[in-house]
């Protein structure tokens, strides 16, 4: 948990952080698996994205910019840089890093939808 917090602070520099190489000990993945929850309908769905791809979930769009994972243990954690916006909105509802094992550290604040990182896709 402390490691995730330190990593989040190191990446909190904003969009410029997304352009940097992965910090030591982390590997870059070609995609990610996210989970979306529609709080009104009570339904959850997995969202699989490749780097640079955008998916529509209900009335929001989710774009994956990067996904990183510990190179020594790919299944232990995932760090994904996401941009989430309401359809037709000019400003994103969320833009930044989400951490799989600490979803509350940097979370989407939306009245209807929740989105969180499950894992990076390593293949």
Protein backbone atom coordinates (compact mmCIF):
# COMPACT_ATOMS: atom_id res chain seq x y z
CA UNK A 1 0.00 0.00 0.00
CA UNK A 2 2.81 2.42 0.84
CA UNK A 3 4.59 1.44 -2.37
CA UNK A 4 1.41 2.18 -4.35
CA UNK A 5 1.11 5.58 -2.67
CA UNK A 6 4.72 6.48 -3.43
CA UNK A 7 4.26 5.37 -7.03
CA UNK A 8 1.09 7.46 -7.33
CA UNK A 9 2.90 10.53 -6.05
CA UNK A 10 5.75 9.95 -8.49
CA UNK A 11 3.28 9.76 -11.36
CA UNK A 12 1.05 12.60 -10.20
CA UNK A 13 2.90 15.10 -12.34
CA UNK A 14 -0.01 14.87 -14.78
CA UNK A 15 0.00 14.11 -18.50
CA UNK A 16 3.76 14.66 -18.74
CA UNK A 17 4.22 11.65 -16.47
CA UNK A 18 2.45 9.48 -19.03
CA UNK A 19 5.15 10.27 -21.59
CA UNK A 20 8.04 9.15 -19.37
CA UNK A 21 9.61 5.72 -19.33
CA UNK A 22 8.34 3.27 -16.73
CA UNK A 23 10.07 3.65 -13.35
CA UNK A 24 12.63 1.01 -12.43
CA UNK A 25 11.00 -2.31 -11.60
CA UNK A 26 7.90 -1.62 -13.68
CA UNK A 27 7.16 -2.92 -17.15
CA UNK A 28 4.84 -1.43 -19.74
CA UNK A 29 1.91 -3.54 -20.91
CA UNK A 30 0.10 -3.47 -24.27
CA UNK A 31 -3.31 -3.14 -22.62
CA UNK A 32 -5.45 -3.40 -19.51
CA UNK A 33 -8.57 -5.00 -18.11
CA UNK A 34 -10.85 -2.56 -16.29
CA UNK A 35 -14.19 -3.07 -14.58
CA UNK A 36 -17.06 -0.66 -14.97
CA UNK A 37 -20.04 -0.45 -12.64
CA UNK A 38 -23.35 1.21 -13.49
CA UNK A 39 -24.57 2.12 -10.00
CA UNK A 40 -28.13 2.81 -11.16
CA UNK A 41 -28.66 -0.42 -13.12
CA UNK A 42 -26.52 -2.45 -10.71
CA UNK A 43 -24.52 -4.06 -13.51
CA UNK A 44 -20.78 -4.55 -13.84
CA UNK A 45 -18.82 -5.25 -17.01
CA UNK A 46 -15.19 -5.89 -17.83
CA UNK A 47 -13.62 -3.48 -20.31
CA UNK A 48 -10.54 -4.66 -22.24
CA UNK A 49 -8.49 -1.94 -23.87
CA UNK A 50 -5.22 -1.70 -25.75
CA UNK A 51 -2.96 1.33 -25.33
CA UNK A 52 -4.59 4.29 -27.06
CA UNK A 53 -7.99 2.64 -27.38
CA UNK A 54 -11.28 4.13 -26.22
CA UNK A 55 -14.38 2.22 -25.14
CA UNK A 56 -17.88 3.46 -24.41
CA UNK A 57 -19.42 2.25 -21.16
CA UNK A 58 -22.96 3.51 -20.70
CA UNK A 59 -22.74 7.27 -21.15
CA UNK A 60 -19.00 7.61 -20.53
CA UNK A 61 -15.90 6.96 -22.61
CA UNK A 62 -12.78 5.38 -21.18
CA UNK A 63 -9.39 5.84 -22.88
CA UNK A 64 -6.28 3.90 -21.84
CA UNK A 65 -3.02 5.83 -22.24
CA UNK A 66 -0.67 3.44 -20.38
CA UNK A 67 -0.61 0.37 -18.17
CA UNK A 68 2.38 -0.62 -16.03
CA UNK A 69 2.98 -3.57 -13.73
CA UNK A 70 5.79 -4.87 -11.46
CA UNK A 71 8.15 -6.72 -13.82
CA UNK A 72 9.04 -9.35 -11.19
CA UNK A 73 5.36 -10.17 -10.46
CA UNK A 74 2.93 -9.18 -13.25
CA UNK A 75 -0.13 -10.42 -11.36
CA UNK A 76 0.54 -8.42 -8.19
CA UNK A 77 -0.59 -4.93 -9.22
CA UNK A 78 -1.41 -2.65 -12.14
CA UNK A 79 -1.09 1.08 -12.68
CA UNK A 80 -3.19 2.50 -15.53
CA UNK A 81 -3.32 6.03 -16.90
CA UNK A 82 -6.95 6.64 -17.88
CA UNK A 83 -8.99 9.47 -19.32
CA UNK A 84 -12.71 9.14 -18.57
CA UNK A 85 -15.32 11.56 -19.91
CA UNK A 86 -19.08 11.89 -20.16
CA UNK A 87 -20.28 11.58 -23.75
CA UNK A 88 -20.28 15.03 -25.32
CA UNK A 89 -18.37 16.67 -22.44
CA UNK A 90 -15.49 19.02 -23.19
CA UNK A 91 -13.57 18.24 -19.98
CA UNK A 92 -12.83 14.74 -18.66
CA UNK A 93 -14.46 13.54 -15.44
CA UNK A 94 -11.16 11.80 -14.62
CA UNK A 95 -7.65 11.98 -16.01
CA UNK A 96 -4.77 10.29 -14.21
CA UNK A 97 -3.30 7.11 -12.79
CA UNK A 98 -5.47 4.45 -11.17
CA UNK A 99 -3.88 1.73 -9.06
CA UNK A 100 -5.42 -1.73 -8.97
CA UNK A 101 -4.70 -2.59 -5.34
CA UNK A 102 -5.56 0.92 -4.05
CA UNK A 103 -8.62 2.00 -6.07
CA UNK A 104 -9.67 4.70 -3.58
CA UNK A 105 -6.28 6.45 -3.84
CA UNK A 106 -7.19 7.94 -7.24
CA UNK A 107 -10.80 7.24 -8.17
CA UNK A 108 -13.41 8.39 -10.65
CA UNK A 109 -15.95 10.63 -8.90
CA UNK A 110 -19.09 10.14 -10.97
CA UNK A 111 -22.72 10.04 -9.83
CA UNK A 112 -23.61 6.99 -11.94
CA UNK A 113 -20.45 5.10 -12.93
CA UNK A 114 -17.43 3.57 -11.23
CA UNK A 115 -14.39 2.37 -13.17
CA UNK A 116 -11.37 0.64 -11.67
CA UNK A 117 -8.30 -1.27 -12.84
CA UNK A 118 -8.25 -5.06 -12.60
CA UNK A 119 -4.92 -5.87 -14.25
CA UNK A 120 -2.60 -5.11 -17.13
CA UNK A 121 -2.72 -7.36 -20.17
CA UNK A 122 0.78 -8.79 -20.55
CA UNK A 123 0.19 -10.52 -23.89
